[in-house]
Amino acid sequence: MKHVPTFSVVSGAQVHRSVSGSEERVTEVVEAAYRLHGEGATANPDSYFLRFPDRPSSRIIALPASVKGDVDVHGIKWISSFPENVAAGIPRASAVLILNDAETGYPFACLESSIISAARPAASAALAAVKLSEQRGVRPKRVGFFGVGLIARYLHTYLAANGLDFEAIGVHDLSAEHAEGFKGYLERTESCPVTVHERAEDLVRSSDLIVFATIAGEPHVTDPDWLSHNPLVLHVSLRDLSPEIILSAWNVVDDIDHCLKANTSPHLAEQRTGNRDFVAGTLYDVLTGTITAPADRPVIFSPFGLGVLDLAVAKYVYDRLDAEGDLATVPDFFHELKRYG
């Protein structure tokens, strides 16, 4: 018999408690969602971008999705990016996520989602780093962070939690203040040397794992020779690399159709060549052994960010809080439930 679910509101503090210290488990949740997506057990429509003519740097994005399997939920994430917030002392991004019951369609939870939106790409990138490094037969020892915001901090946390130990860490950001702040954070959590590089080229050439987590709207790293040492690149921010670099590398994405749009670097490469032959495959193909990353070429992972992954992480948080009896429900949220009163 169908029934109307209770409606819960999950705060950012609750989300943080649920994922903090559970990075390996969250990575497993993301991997399972990737496998469901690869097996066709998801629906992941195009994201919808709400833009503003009077402030072109800002946007709000809707990511609807559905996941079957053990997750078994529908939902949508509504995430804003207002870069001017940083100068005002508040985070650039804010988000909420709605979970809908798979049987009735009723929404049953609203979660603060900026933390989920940081943990999900961090888990995705860490998963890719581990699996691609295993295929290449070498673990990276020198990591460089290009961009030093909240996402970069979560990326570092998830890389470390998934067993990647570094002998040296490099940092580069357009803001010297932010670069020094991120260096201070790293020095509190790492025992290896941390170097701030003023020149982007120095960071790239000195790193065998490069993490791009910027807000760049168009390519700013353009010379393929910078990657002549064949690093592994986690291209999380998607628009940092020129088509020339993409075309000189071995490329893997999370979803080909989703990644090759909206003028991402792979999309620009497709526009340049008129084909997608430069994409070796997806992370699902890596997980299943269908493709194998080479050691003698730069390897670039470009994840567009799938709503199904956000839903999987959100459902993990919801289920954990439910099991702990820590859900805050809203009484009478659904009120008009009888057709004729």
C-alpha atoms as a PDB file:
ATOM      1  CA  MET A   1       0.000   0.000   0.000  1.00  0.00           C
ATOM      2  CA  LYS A   2       1.341   3.393  -0.944  1.00  0.00           C
ATOM      3  CA  HIS A   3       1.704   6.066   1.698  1.00  0.00           C
ATOM      4  CA  VAL A   4       2.874   9.671   1.812  1.00  0.00           C
ATOM      5  CA  PRO A   5       6.403   9.813   3.263  1.00  0.00           C
ATOM      6  CA  THR A   6       7.486  12.145   6.016  1.00  0.00           C
ATOM      7  CA  PHE A   7       9.551  15.118   4.914  1.00  0.00           C
ATOM      8  CA  SER A   8      12.951  15.763   6.506  1.00  0.00           C
ATOM      9  CA  VAL A   9      15.348  18.686   6.384  1.00  0.00           C
ATOM     10  CA  VAL A  10      19.035  17.791   6.660  1.00  0.00           C
ATOM     11  CA  SER A  11      21.416  20.575   7.663  1.00  0.00           C
ATOM     12  CA  GLY A  12      24.941  21.126   6.428  1.00  0.00           C
ATOM     13  CA  ALA A  13      26.235  20.229   9.884  1.00  0.00           C
ATOM     14  CA  GLN A  14      24.503  16.838   9.637  1.00  0.00           C
ATOM     15  CA  VAL A  15      25.878  16.252   6.140  1.00  0.00           C
ATOM     16  CA  HIS A  16      29.375  17.125   7.337  1.00  0.00           C
ATOM     17  CA  ARG A  17      29.147  14.719  10.281  1.00  0.00           C
ATOM     18  CA  SER A  18      27.944  11.963   7.940  1.00  0.00           C
ATOM     19  CA  VAL A  19      30.757  12.267   5.382  1.00  0.00           C
ATOM     20  CA  SER A  20      33.670  13.498   7.496  1.00  0.00           C
ATOM     21  CA  GLY A  21      35.898  10.564   8.351  1.00  0.00           C
ATOM     22  CA  SER A  22      33.951   8.328   5.964  1.00  0.00           C
ATOM     23  CA  GLU A  23      35.797   9.287   2.783  1.00  0.00           C
ATOM     24  CA  GLU A  24      36.539   5.702   1.773  1.00  0.00           C
ATOM     25  CA  ARG A  25      32.885   4.729   2.199  1.00  0.00           C
ATOM     26  CA  VAL A  26      31.706   7.754   0.208  1.00  0.00           C
ATOM     27  CA  THR A  27      34.157   6.802  -2.549  1.00  0.00           C
ATOM     28  CA  GLU A  28      32.664   3.309  -2.577  1.00  0.00           C
ATOM     29  CA  VAL A  29      29.177   4.850  -2.892  1.00  0.00           C
ATOM     30  CA  VAL A  30      30.355   6.926  -5.860  1.00  0.00           C
ATOM     31  CA  GLU A  31      31.986   3.913  -7.503  1.00  0.00           C
ATOM     32  CA  ALA A  32      28.782   1.903  -7.130  1.00  0.00           C
ATOM     33  CA  ALA A  33      26.825   4.761  -8.722  1.00  0.00           C
ATOM     34  CA  TYR A  34      29.264   4.889 -11.638  1.00  0.00           C
ATOM     35  CA  ARG A  35      28.736   1.164 -12.162  1.00  0.00           C
ATOM     36  CA  LEU A  36      24.951   1.571 -12.102  1.00  0.00           C
ATOM     37  CA  HIS A  37      25.260   4.406 -14.603  1.00  0.00           C
ATOM     38  CA  GLY A  38      27.443   2.310 -16.876  1.00  0.00           C
ATOM     39  CA  GLU A  39      24.939  -0.537 -16.665  1.00  0.00           C
ATOM     40  CA  GLY A  40      22.067   1.721 -17.729  1.00  0.00           C
ATOM     41  CA  ALA A  41      20.364   1.739 -14.319  1.00  0.00           C
ATOM     42  CA  THR A  42      20.186   5.537 -14.095  1.00  0.00           C
ATOM     43  CA  ALA A  43      18.566   8.523 -15.760  1.00  0.00           C
ATOM     44  CA  ASN A  44      20.764  11.610 -16.016  1.00  0.00           C
ATOM     45  CA  PRO A  45      19.207  14.327 -18.225  1.00  0.00           C
ATOM     46  CA  ASP A  46      21.076  17.429 -19.258  1.00  0.00           C
ATOM     47  CA  SER A  47      21.685  19.991 -16.566  1.00  0.00           C
ATOM     48  CA  TYR A  48      19.743  23.240 -16.859  1.00  0.00           C
ATOM     49  CA  PHE A  49      21.733  26.483 -16.501  1.00  0.00           C
ATOM     50  CA  LEU A  50      19.992  29.599 -15.224  1.00  0.00           C
ATOM     51  CA  ARG A  51      22.117  32.570 -16.261  1.00  0.00           C
ATOM     52  CA  PHE A  52      21.795  36.296 -15.684  1.00  0.00           C
ATOM     53  CA  PRO A  53      22.469  38.954 -18.359  1.00  0.00           C
ATOM     54  CA  ASP A  54      23.503  41.514 -15.741  1.00  0.00           C
ATOM     55  CA  ARG A  55      26.017  39.187 -13.999  1.00  0.00           C
ATOM     56  CA  PRO A  56      27.461  36.758 -16.553  1.00  0.00           C
ATOM     57  CA  SER A  57      29.913  35.152 -14.125  1.00  0.00           C
ATOM     58  CA  SER A  58      27.066  33.806 -11.975  1.00  0.00           C
ATOM     59  CA  ARG A  59      24.710  30.898 -12.586  1.00  0.00           C
ATOM     60  CA  ILE A  60      22.349  28.450 -10.903  1.00  0.00           C
ATOM     61  CA  ILE A  61      22.252  24.894 -12.201  1.00  0.00           C
ATOM     62  CA  ALA A  62      19.533  22.257 -11.902  1.00  0.00           C
ATOM     63  CA  LEU A  63      20.694  18.626 -12.064  1.00  0.00           C
ATOM     64  CA  PRO A  64      17.772  16.155 -12.205  1.00  0.00           C
ATOM     65  CA  ALA A  65      18.571  12.452 -11.955  1.00  0.00           C
ATOM     66  CA  SER A  66      17.339   8.992 -11.026  1.00  0.00           C
ATOM     67  CA  VAL A  67      19.229   5.964  -9.706  1.00  0.00           C
ATOM     68  CA  LYS A  68      17.975   2.396  -9.432  1.00  0.00           C
ATOM     69  CA  GLY A  69      19.692  -0.449  -7.587  1.00  0.00           C
ATOM     70  CA  ASP A  70      20.283  -0.126  -3.863  1.00  0.00           C
ATOM     71  CA  VAL A  71      20.023   3.683  -4.099  1.00  0.00           C
ATOM     72  CA  ASP A  72      16.524   3.602  -5.656  1.00  0.00           C
ATOM     73  CA  VAL A  73      15.719   7.294  -5.596  1.00  0.00           C
ATOM     74  CA  HIS A  74      14.871  10.217  -7.855  1.00  0.00           C
ATOM     75  CA  GLY A  75      15.841  13.810  -7.183  1.00  0.00           C
ATOM     76  CA  ILE A  76      17.359  17.103  -8.200  1.00  0.00           C
ATOM     77  CA  LYS A  77      20.234  19.289  -7.077  1.00  0.00           C
ATOM     78  CA  TRP A  78      19.899  23.090  -7.311  1.00  0.00           C
ATOM     79  CA  ILE A  79      23.347  24.657  -7.023  1.00  0.00           C
ATOM     80  CA  SER A  80      24.400  28.263  -7.447  1.00  0.00           C
ATOM     81  CA  SER A  81      27.830  29.655  -8.302  1.00  0.00           C
ATOM     82  CA  PHE A  82      28.296  33.353  -7.530  1.00  0.00           C
ATOM     83  CA  PRO A  83      32.079  34.006  -7.659  1.00  0.00           C
ATOM     84  CA  GLU A  84      31.683  37.559  -6.330  1.00  0.00           C
ATOM     85  CA  ASN A  85      30.670  36.065  -2.987  1.00  0.00           C
ATOM     86  CA  VAL A  86      34.311  35.253  -2.213  1.00  0.00           C
ATOM     87  CA  ALA A  87      35.298  38.915  -1.992  1.00  0.00           C
ATOM     88  CA  ALA A  88      32.394  39.419   0.431  1.00  0.00           C
ATOM     89  CA  GLY A  89      33.706  36.665   2.698  1.00  0.00           C
ATOM     90  CA  ILE A  90      31.115  33.958   1.962  1.00  0.00           C
ATOM     91  CA  PRO A  91      31.502  30.808  -0.158  1.00  0.00           C
ATOM     92  CA  ARG A  92      31.066  30.991  -3.913  1.00  0.00           C
ATOM     93  CA  ALA A  93      28.687  28.014  -4.115  1.00  0.00           C
ATOM     94  CA  SER A  94      25.498  27.135  -2.247  1.00  0.00           C
ATOM     95  CA  ALA A  95      23.136  24.256  -2.912  1.00  0.00           C
ATOM     96  CA  VAL A  96      20.172  22.195  -1.849  1.00  0.00           C
ATOM     97  CA  LEU A  97      19.188  18.714  -2.995  1.00  0.00           C
ATOM     98  CA  ILE A  98      15.720  17.145  -3.023  1.00  0.00           C
ATOM     99  CA  LEU A  99      15.219  13.384  -2.765  1.00  0.00           C
ATOM    100  CA  ASN A 100      12.004  11.917  -4.204  1.00  0.00           C
ATOM    101  CA  ASP A 101      10.472   8.576  -3.281  1.00  0.00           C
ATOM    102  CA  ALA A 102      10.882   6.122  -6.163  1.00  0.00           C
ATOM    103  CA  GLU A 103       7.399   4.627  -5.670  1.00  0.00           C
ATOM    104  CA  THR A 104       5.181   7.677  -5.168  1.00  0.00           C
ATOM    105  CA  GLY A 105       7.343  10.524  -6.489  1.00  0.00           C
ATOM    106  CA  TYR A 106       6.813  12.460  -3.257  1.00  0.00           C
ATOM    107  CA  PRO A 107       9.831  14.450  -2.065  1.00  0.00           C
ATOM    108  CA  PHE A 108      10.942  13.109   1.300  1.00  0.00           C
ATOM    109  CA  ALA A 109      14.082  15.103   2.124  1.00  0.00           C
ATOM    110  CA  CYS A 110      15.802  18.400   1.479  1.00  0.00           C
ATOM    111  CA  LEU A 111      19.542  18.350   2.149  1.00  0.00           C
ATOM    112  CA  GLU A 112      22.053  21.179   2.285  1.00  0.00           C
ATOM    113  CA  SER A 113      24.224  20.188  -0.640  1.00  0.00           C
ATOM    114  CA  SER A 114      27.324  22.355  -0.929  1.00  0.00           C
ATOM    115  CA  ILE A 115      29.190  19.746   1.119  1.00  0.00           C
ATOM    116  CA  ILE A 116      27.798  16.915  -1.015  1.00  0.00           C
ATOM    117  CA  SER A 117      28.836  18.946  -4.069  1.00  0.00           C
ATOM    118  CA  ALA A 118      32.403  19.031  -2.725  1.00  0.00           C
ATOM    119  CA  ALA A 119      32.558  15.436  -1.493  1.00  0.00           C
ATOM    120  CA  ARG A 120      31.123  13.940  -4.701  1.00  0.00           C
ATOM    121  CA  PRO A 121      33.732  15.316  -7.158  1.00  0.00           C
ATOM    122  CA  ALA A 122      36.472  14.652  -4.613  1.00  0.00           C
ATOM    123  CA  ALA A 123      35.424  11.009  -4.342  1.00  0.00           C
ATOM    124  CA  SER A 124      35.079  10.754  -8.119  1.00  0.00           C
ATOM    125  CA  ALA A 125      38.546  12.201  -8.724  1.00  0.00           C
ATOM    126  CA  ALA A 126      40.164  10.084  -6.002  1.00  0.00           C
ATOM    127  CA  LEU A 127      38.560   6.957  -7.445  1.00  0.00           C
ATOM    128  CA  ALA A 128      39.904   7.845 -10.891  1.00  0.00           C
ATOM    129  CA  ALA A 129      43.364   8.647  -9.505  1.00  0.00           C
ATOM    130  CA  VAL A 130      43.619   5.283  -7.758  1.00  0.00           C
ATOM    131  CA  LYS A 131      42.283   3.169 -10.624  1.00  0.00           C
ATOM    132  CA  LEU A 132      44.223   4.974 -13.364  1.00  0.00           C
ATOM    133  CA  SER A 133      47.436   4.872 -11.317  1.00  0.00           C
ATOM    134  CA  GLU A 134      46.991   1.129 -10.814  1.00  0.00           C
ATOM    135  CA  GLN A 135      46.607   0.663 -14.559  1.00  0.00           C
ATOM    136  CA  ARG A 136      49.703   2.750 -15.273  1.00  0.00           C
ATOM    137  CA  GLY A 137      51.714   0.783 -12.738  1.00  0.00           C
ATOM    138  CA  VAL A 138      52.972   3.783 -10.758  1.00  0.00           C
ATOM    139  CA  ARG A 139      51.608   5.793  -7.840  1.00  0.00           C
ATOM    140  CA  PRO A 140      52.080   9.575  -8.161  1.00  0.00           C
ATOM    141  CA  LYS A 141      54.330  11.076  -5.507  1.00  0.00           C
ATOM    142  CA  ARG A 142      54.252  14.783  -6.426  1.00  0.00           C
ATOM    143  CA  VAL A 143      50.815  16.405  -6.517  1.00  0.00           C
ATOM    144  CA  GLY A 144      50.043  19.928  -7.690  1.00  0.00           C
ATOM    145  CA  PHE A 145      46.835  21.790  -6.862  1.00  0.00           C
ATOM    146  CA  PHE A 146      45.826  24.365  -9.466  1.00  0.00           C
ATOM    147  CA  GLY A 147      43.086  26.350  -7.699  1.00  0.00           C
ATOM    148  CA  VAL A 148      42.727  26.272  -3.916  1.00  0.00           C
ATOM    149  CA  GLY A 149      39.067  26.630  -2.912  1.00  0.00           C
ATOM    150  CA  LEU A 150      36.770  24.320  -0.976  1.00  0.00           C
ATOM    151  CA  ILE A 151      36.791  21.712  -3.752  1.00  0.00           C
ATOM    152  CA  ALA A 152      40.595  21.562  -3.666  1.00  0.00           C
ATOM    153  CA  ARG A 153      40.524  20.973   0.087  1.00  0.00           C
ATOM    154  CA  TYR A 154      38.064  18.111  -0.292  1.00  0.00           C
ATOM    155  CA  LEU A 155      40.093  16.699  -3.187  1.00  0.00           C
ATOM    156  CA  HIS A 156      43.185  16.606  -0.994  1.00  0.00           C
ATOM    157  CA  THR A 157      41.253  14.934   1.820  1.00  0.00           C
ATOM    158  CA  TYR A 158      39.834  12.247  -0.470  1.00  0.00           C
ATOM    159  CA  LEU A 159      43.132  11.563  -2.226  1.00  0.00           C
ATOM    160  CA  ALA A 160      44.823  11.028   1.141  1.00  0.00           C
ATOM    161  CA  ALA A 161      41.951   8.929   2.517  1.00  0.00           C
ATOM    162  CA  ASN A 162      42.164   6.646  -0.513  1.00  0.00           C
ATOM    163  CA  GLY A 163      45.811   5.835   0.111  1.00  0.00           C
ATOM    164  CA  LEU A 164      47.716   8.333  -2.026  1.00  0.00           C
ATOM    165  CA  ASP A 165      50.822   9.430  -0.094  1.00  0.00           C
ATOM    166  CA  PHE A 166      52.845  12.333  -1.423  1.00  0.00           C
ATOM    167  CA  GLU A 167      56.505  13.280  -1.112  1.00  0.00           C
ATOM    168  CA  ALA A 168      55.897  16.856  -2.258  1.00  0.00           C
ATOM    169  CA  ILE A 169      52.887  19.115  -2.817  1.00  0.00           C
ATOM    170  CA  GLY A 170      52.702  22.147  -5.073  1.00  0.00           C
ATOM    171  CA  VAL A 171      50.141  24.960  -4.999  1.00  0.00           C
ATOM    172  CA  HIS A 172      49.240  27.609  -7.578  1.00  0.00           C
ATOM    173  CA  ASP A 173      46.417  30.147  -7.551  1.00  0.00           C
ATOM    174  CA  LEU A 174      45.813  33.573  -9.053  1.00  0.00           C
ATOM    175  CA  SER A 175      45.373  34.868  -5.498  1.00  0.00           C
ATOM    176  CA  ALA A 176      48.628  34.797  -3.531  1.00  0.00           C
ATOM    177  CA  GLU A 177      46.617  35.156  -0.323  1.00  0.00           C
ATOM    178  CA  HIS A 178      44.510  32.091  -1.091  1.00  0.00           C
ATOM    179  CA  ALA A 179      47.575  30.093  -2.160  1.00  0.00           C
ATOM    180  CA  GLU A 180      49.266  30.837   1.161  1.00  0.00           C
ATOM    181  CA  GLY A 181      46.081  29.954   3.032  1.00  0.00           C
ATOM    182  CA  PHE A 182      45.890  26.579   1.289  1.00  0.00           C
ATOM    183  CA  LYS A 183      49.591  26.006   1.979  1.00  0.00           C
ATOM    184  CA  GLY A 184      48.909  26.615   5.664  1.00  0.00           C
ATOM    185  CA  TYR A 185      46.087  24.082   5.613  1.00  0.00           C
ATOM    186  CA  LEU A 186      48.302  21.498   3.904  1.00  0.00           C
ATOM    187  CA  GLU A 187      51.147  22.048   6.363  1.00  0.00           C
ATOM    188  CA  ARG A 188      48.767  21.304   9.227  1.00  0.00           C
ATOM    189  CA  THR A 189      47.755  17.976   7.666  1.00  0.00           C
ATOM    190  CA  GLU A 190      50.848  16.801   5.744  1.00  0.00           C
ATOM    191  CA  SER A 191      54.469  16.136   6.729  1.00  0.00           C
ATOM    192  CA  CYS A 192      55.912  16.601   3.221  1.00  0.00           C
ATOM    193  CA  PRO A 193      57.198  19.909   1.787  1.00  0.00           C
ATOM    194  CA  VAL A 194      54.572  22.297   0.374  1.00  0.00           C
ATOM    195  CA  THR A 195      55.640  24.813  -2.289  1.00  0.00           C
ATOM    196  CA  VAL A 196      53.667  27.751  -3.668  1.00  0.00           C
ATOM    197  CA  HIS A 197      54.499  28.213  -7.352  1.00  0.00           C
ATOM    198  CA  GLU A 198      54.051  31.691  -8.759  1.00  0.00           C
ATOM    199  CA  ARG A 199      54.193  30.370 -12.331  1.00  0.00           C
ATOM    200  CA  ALA A 200      51.608  27.876 -13.557  1.00  0.00           C
ATOM    201  CA  GLU A 201      54.201  26.157 -15.729  1.00  0.00           C
ATOM    202  CA  ASP A 202      56.395  25.405 -12.724  1.00  0.00           C
ATOM    203  CA  LEU A 203      53.504  23.727 -10.907  1.00  0.00           C
ATOM    204  CA  VAL A 204      52.571  21.594 -13.915  1.00  0.00           C
ATOM    205  CA  ARG A 205      56.115  20.500 -14.760  1.00  0.00           C
ATOM    206  CA  SER A 206      56.955  19.614 -11.147  1.00  0.00           C
ATOM    207  CA  SER A 207      53.861  17.413 -10.561  1.00  0.00           C
ATOM    208  CA  ASP A 208      53.092  13.868 -11.650  1.00  0.00           C
ATOM    209  CA  LEU A 209      49.491  14.287 -10.428  1.00  0.00           C
ATOM    210  CA  ILE A 210      47.860  17.620 -11.284  1.00  0.00           C
ATOM    211  CA  VAL A 211      44.502  18.648  -9.839  1.00  0.00           C
ATOM    212  CA  PHE A 212      42.608  21.432 -11.609  1.00  0.00           C
ATOM    213  CA  ALA A 213      39.923  22.948  -9.367  1.00  0.00           C
ATOM    214  CA  THR A 214      39.461  26.465 -10.707  1.00  0.00           C
ATOM    215  CA  ILE A 215      36.539  28.584 -11.907  1.00  0.00           C
ATOM    216  CA  ALA A 216      38.147  29.179 -15.316  1.00  0.00           C
ATOM    217  CA  GLY A 217      35.686  29.759 -18.144  1.00  0.00           C
ATOM    218  CA  GLU A 218      38.147  29.108 -20.954  1.00  0.00           C
ATOM    219  CA  PRO A 219      41.526  27.399 -21.444  1.00  0.00           C
ATOM    220  CA  HIS A 220      44.533  29.039 -19.817  1.00  0.00           C
ATOM    221  CA  VAL A 221      47.009  26.130 -19.924  1.00  0.00           C
ATOM    222  CA  THR A 222      47.786  25.826 -23.622  1.00  0.00           C
ATOM    223  CA  ASP A 223      51.232  24.292 -24.252  1.00  0.00           C
ATOM    224  CA  PRO A 224      51.302  20.469 -24.572  1.00  0.00           C
ATOM    225  CA  ASP A 225      55.028  20.514 -23.793  1.00  0.00           C
ATOM    226  CA  TRP A 226      54.220  21.375 -20.184  1.00  0.00           C
ATOM    227  CA  LEU A 227      52.859  17.814 -19.902  1.00  0.00           C
ATOM    228  CA  SER A 228      55.773  16.132 -21.668  1.00  0.00           C
ATOM    229  CA  HIS A 229      56.570  14.199 -18.452  1.00  0.00           C
ATOM    230  CA  ASN A 230      53.249  12.313 -18.881  1.00  0.00           C
ATOM    231  CA  PRO A 231      51.441  13.228 -15.656  1.00  0.00           C
ATOM    232  CA  LEU A 232      48.011  12.098 -14.504  1.00  0.00           C
ATOM    233  CA  VAL A 233      45.617  15.059 -14.632  1.00  0.00           C
ATOM    234  CA  LEU A 234      42.359  15.362 -12.677  1.00  0.00           C
ATOM    235  CA  HIS A 235      40.643  18.012 -14.769  1.00  0.00           C
ATOM    236  CA  VAL A 236      37.795  18.622 -12.342  1.00  0.00           C
ATOM    237  CA  SER A 237      37.062  22.198 -13.426  1.00  0.00           C
ATOM    238  CA  LEU A 238      36.828  21.119 -17.076  1.00  0.00           C
ATOM    239  CA  ARG A 239      37.787  24.323 -18.912  1.00  0.00           C
ATOM    240  CA  ASP A 240      41.445  24.804 -18.043  1.00  0.00           C
ATOM    241  CA  LEU A 241      43.169  22.926 -20.884  1.00  0.00           C
ATOM    242  CA  SER A 242      43.494  23.893 -24.538  1.00  0.00           C
ATOM    243  CA  PRO A 243      42.270  21.582 -27.315  1.00  0.00           C
ATOM    244  CA  GLU A 244      45.926  21.019 -28.236  1.00  0.00           C
ATOM    245  CA  ILE A 245      46.601  19.531 -24.801  1.00  0.00           C
ATOM    246  CA  ILE A 246      43.456  17.407 -24.883  1.00  0.00           C
ATOM    247  CA  LEU A 247      44.345  16.070 -28.332  1.00  0.00           C
ATOM    248  CA  SER A 248      47.898  15.215 -27.262  1.00  0.00           C
ATOM    249  CA  ALA A 249      46.710  13.192 -24.256  1.00  0.00           C
ATOM    250  CA  TRP A 250      44.868   9.961 -23.442  1.00  0.00           C
ATOM    251  CA  ASN A 251      41.428  11.096 -22.281  1.00  0.00           C
ATOM    252  CA  VAL A 252      38.827   9.494 -20.064  1.00  0.00           C
ATOM    253  CA  VAL A 253      35.562  11.148 -18.957  1.00  0.00           C
ATOM    254  CA  ASP A 254      32.674  10.199 -16.687  1.00  0.00           C
ATOM    255  CA  ASP A 255      30.026  10.434 -19.426  1.00  0.00           C
ATOM    256  CA  ILE A 256      30.902  11.287 -23.018  1.00  0.00           C
ATOM    257  CA  ASP A 257      27.652  13.015 -24.003  1.00  0.00           C
ATOM    258  CA  HIS A 258      27.531  15.094 -20.835  1.00  0.00           C
ATOM    259  CA  CYS A 259      31.210  16.061 -20.849  1.00  0.00           C
ATOM    260  CA  LEU A 260      31.403  17.106 -24.486  1.00  0.00           C
ATOM    261  CA  LYS A 261      29.147  20.153 -24.234  1.00  0.00           C
ATOM    262  CA  ALA A 262      29.027  23.668 -22.774  1.00  0.00           C
ATOM    263  CA  ASN A 263      32.490  24.512 -24.153  1.00  0.00           C
ATOM    264  CA  THR A 264      34.400  22.236 -21.834  1.00  0.00           C
ATOM    265  CA  SER A 265      37.957  21.543 -22.968  1.00  0.00           C
ATOM    266  CA  PRO A 266      36.944  18.158 -24.476  1.00  0.00           C
ATOM    267  CA  HIS A 267      34.017  19.883 -26.198  1.00  0.00           C
ATOM    268  CA  LEU A 268      36.388  22.447 -27.708  1.00  0.00           C
ATOM    269  CA  ALA A 269      38.575  19.580 -28.933  1.00  0.00           C
ATOM    270  CA  GLU A 270      35.527  17.977 -30.547  1.00  0.00           C
ATOM    271  CA  GLN A 271      34.680  21.271 -32.250  1.00  0.00           C
ATOM    272  CA  ARG A 272      38.265  21.486 -33.499  1.00  0.00           C
ATOM    273  CA  THR A 273      38.384  17.958 -34.946  1.00  0.00           C
ATOM    274  CA  GLY A 274      34.753  17.220 -35.768  1.00  0.00           C
ATOM    275  CA  ASN A 275      34.929  13.876 -33.938  1.00  0.00           C
ATOM    276  CA  ARG A 276      35.308  12.254 -30.528  1.00  0.00           C
ATOM    277  CA  ASP A 277      38.090   9.835 -31.399  1.00  0.00           C
ATOM    278  CA  PHE A 278      40.394  11.442 -28.829  1.00  0.00           C
ATOM    279  CA  VAL A 279      38.211  10.117 -25.958  1.00  0.00           C
ATOM    280  CA  ALA A 280      39.392   6.632 -24.983  1.00  0.00           C
ATOM    281  CA  GLY A 281      36.257   5.945 -22.919  1.00  0.00           C
ATOM    282  CA  THR A 282      34.634   6.481 -19.540  1.00  0.00           C
ATOM    283  CA  LEU A 283      35.582   5.818 -15.944  1.00  0.00           C
ATOM    284  CA  TYR A 284      33.135   2.897 -16.053  1.00  0.00           C
ATOM    285  CA  ASP A 285      35.283   1.454 -18.846  1.00  0.00           C
ATOM    286  CA  VAL A 286      38.318   1.846 -16.585  1.00  0.00           C
ATOM    287  CA  LEU A 287      36.512   0.176 -13.671  1.00  0.00           C
ATOM    288  CA  THR A 288      35.519  -2.782 -15.829  1.00  0.00           C
ATOM    289  CA  GLY A 289      38.919  -3.112 -17.519  1.00  0.00           C
ATOM    290  CA  THR A 290      37.561  -2.304 -20.986  1.00  0.00           C
ATOM    291  CA  ILE A 291      40.269   0.334 -21.453  1.00  0.00           C
ATOM    292  CA  THR A 292      43.715   0.680 -19.881  1.00  0.00           C
ATOM    293  CA  ALA A 293      45.538   3.948 -19.245  1.00  0.00           C
ATOM    294  CA  PRO A 294      49.031   4.173 -20.778  1.00  0.00           C
ATOM    295  CA  ALA A 295      52.131   5.189 -18.843  1.00  0.00           C
ATOM    296  CA  ASP A 296      53.826   6.885 -21.803  1.00  0.00           C
ATOM    297  CA  ARG A 297      51.272   9.660 -22.446  1.00  0.00           C
ATOM    298  CA  PRO A 298      49.587  12.328 -20.338  1.00  0.00           C
ATOM    299  CA  VAL A 299      46.355  10.892 -18.946  1.00  0.00           C
ATOM    300  CA  ILE A 300      43.492  13.342 -18.365  1.00  0.00           C
ATOM    301  CA  PHE A 301      40.302  12.562 -16.433  1.00  0.00           C
ATOM    302  CA  SER A 302      37.574  15.124 -17.167  1.00  0.00           C
ATOM    303  CA  PRO A 303      34.441  14.535 -15.020  1.00  0.00           C
ATOM    304  CA  PHE A 304      31.448  16.682 -15.938  1.00  0.00           C
ATOM    305  CA  GLY A 305      29.764  15.767 -12.670  1.00  0.00           C
ATOM    306  CA  LEU A 306      26.723  13.541 -12.843  1.00  0.00           C
ATOM    307  CA  GLY A 307      23.572  14.198 -10.845  1.00  0.00           C
ATOM    308  CA  VAL A 308      23.270  10.468 -10.181  1.00  0.00           C
ATOM    309  CA  LEU A 309      26.446  10.665  -8.076  1.00  0.00           C
ATOM    310  CA  ASP A 310      25.026  13.524  -6.007  1.00  0.00           C
ATOM    311  CA  LEU A 311      21.862  11.510  -5.415  1.00  0.00           C
ATOM    312  CA  ALA A 312      23.838   8.455  -4.340  1.00  0.00           C
ATOM    313  CA  VAL A 313      25.865  10.443  -1.808  1.00  0.00           C
ATOM    314  CA  ALA A 314      22.748  12.258  -0.556  1.00  0.00           C
ATOM    315  CA  LYS A 315      20.897   8.962  -0.111  1.00  0.00           C
ATOM    316  CA  TYR A 316      23.875   7.584   1.818  1.00  0.00           C
ATOM    317  CA  VAL A 317      23.705  10.608   4.138  1.00  0.00           C
ATOM    318  CA  TYR A 318      19.934  10.281   4.528  1.00  0.00           C
ATOM    319  CA  ASP A 319      20.076   6.545   5.275  1.00  0.00           C
ATOM    320  CA  ARG A 320      22.844   7.017   7.813  1.00  0.00           C
ATOM    321  CA  LEU A 321      20.950   9.741   9.657  1.00  0.00           C
ATOM    322  CA  ASP A 322      17.771   7.660   9.522  1.00  0.00           C
ATOM    323  CA  ALA A 323      19.576   4.659  11.029  1.00  0.00           C
ATOM    324  CA  GLU A 324      20.936   6.889  13.792  1.00  0.00           C
ATOM    325  CA  GLY A 325      17.488   8.372  14.494  1.00  0.00           C
ATOM    326  CA  ASP A 326      18.792  11.842  13.690  1.00  0.00           C
ATOM    327  CA  LEU A 327      16.359  13.007  10.999  1.00  0.00           C
ATOM    328  CA  ALA A 328      14.479  16.238  11.632  1.00  0.00           C
ATOM    329  CA  THR A 329      11.018  15.890  10.102  1.00  0.00           C
ATOM    330  CA  VAL A 330       8.603  18.701   9.235  1.00  0.00           C
ATOM    331  CA  PRO A 331       5.155  17.804  10.625  1.00  0.00           C
ATOM    332  CA  ASP A 332       2.235  18.333   8.258  1.00  0.00           C
ATOM    333  CA  PHE A 333       4.524  19.297   5.360  1.00  0.00           C
ATOM    334  CA  PHE A 334       2.051  17.552   3.041  1.00  0.00           C
ATOM    335  CA  HIS A 335      -1.363  18.814   4.052  1.00  0.00           C
ATOM    336  CA  GLU A 336      -4.054  18.569   1.347  1.00  0.00           C
ATOM    337  CA  LEU A 337      -4.068  14.788   1.030  1.00  0.00           C
ATOM    338  CA  LYS A 338      -7.800  14.100   0.522  1.00  0.00           C
ATOM    339  CA  ARG A 339      -9.244  14.872  -2.861  1.00  0.00           C
ATOM    340  CA  TYR A 340     -12.497  16.275  -1.506  1.00  0.00           C
ATOM    341  CA  GLY A 341     -11.320  17.549   1.843  1.00  0.00           C
END
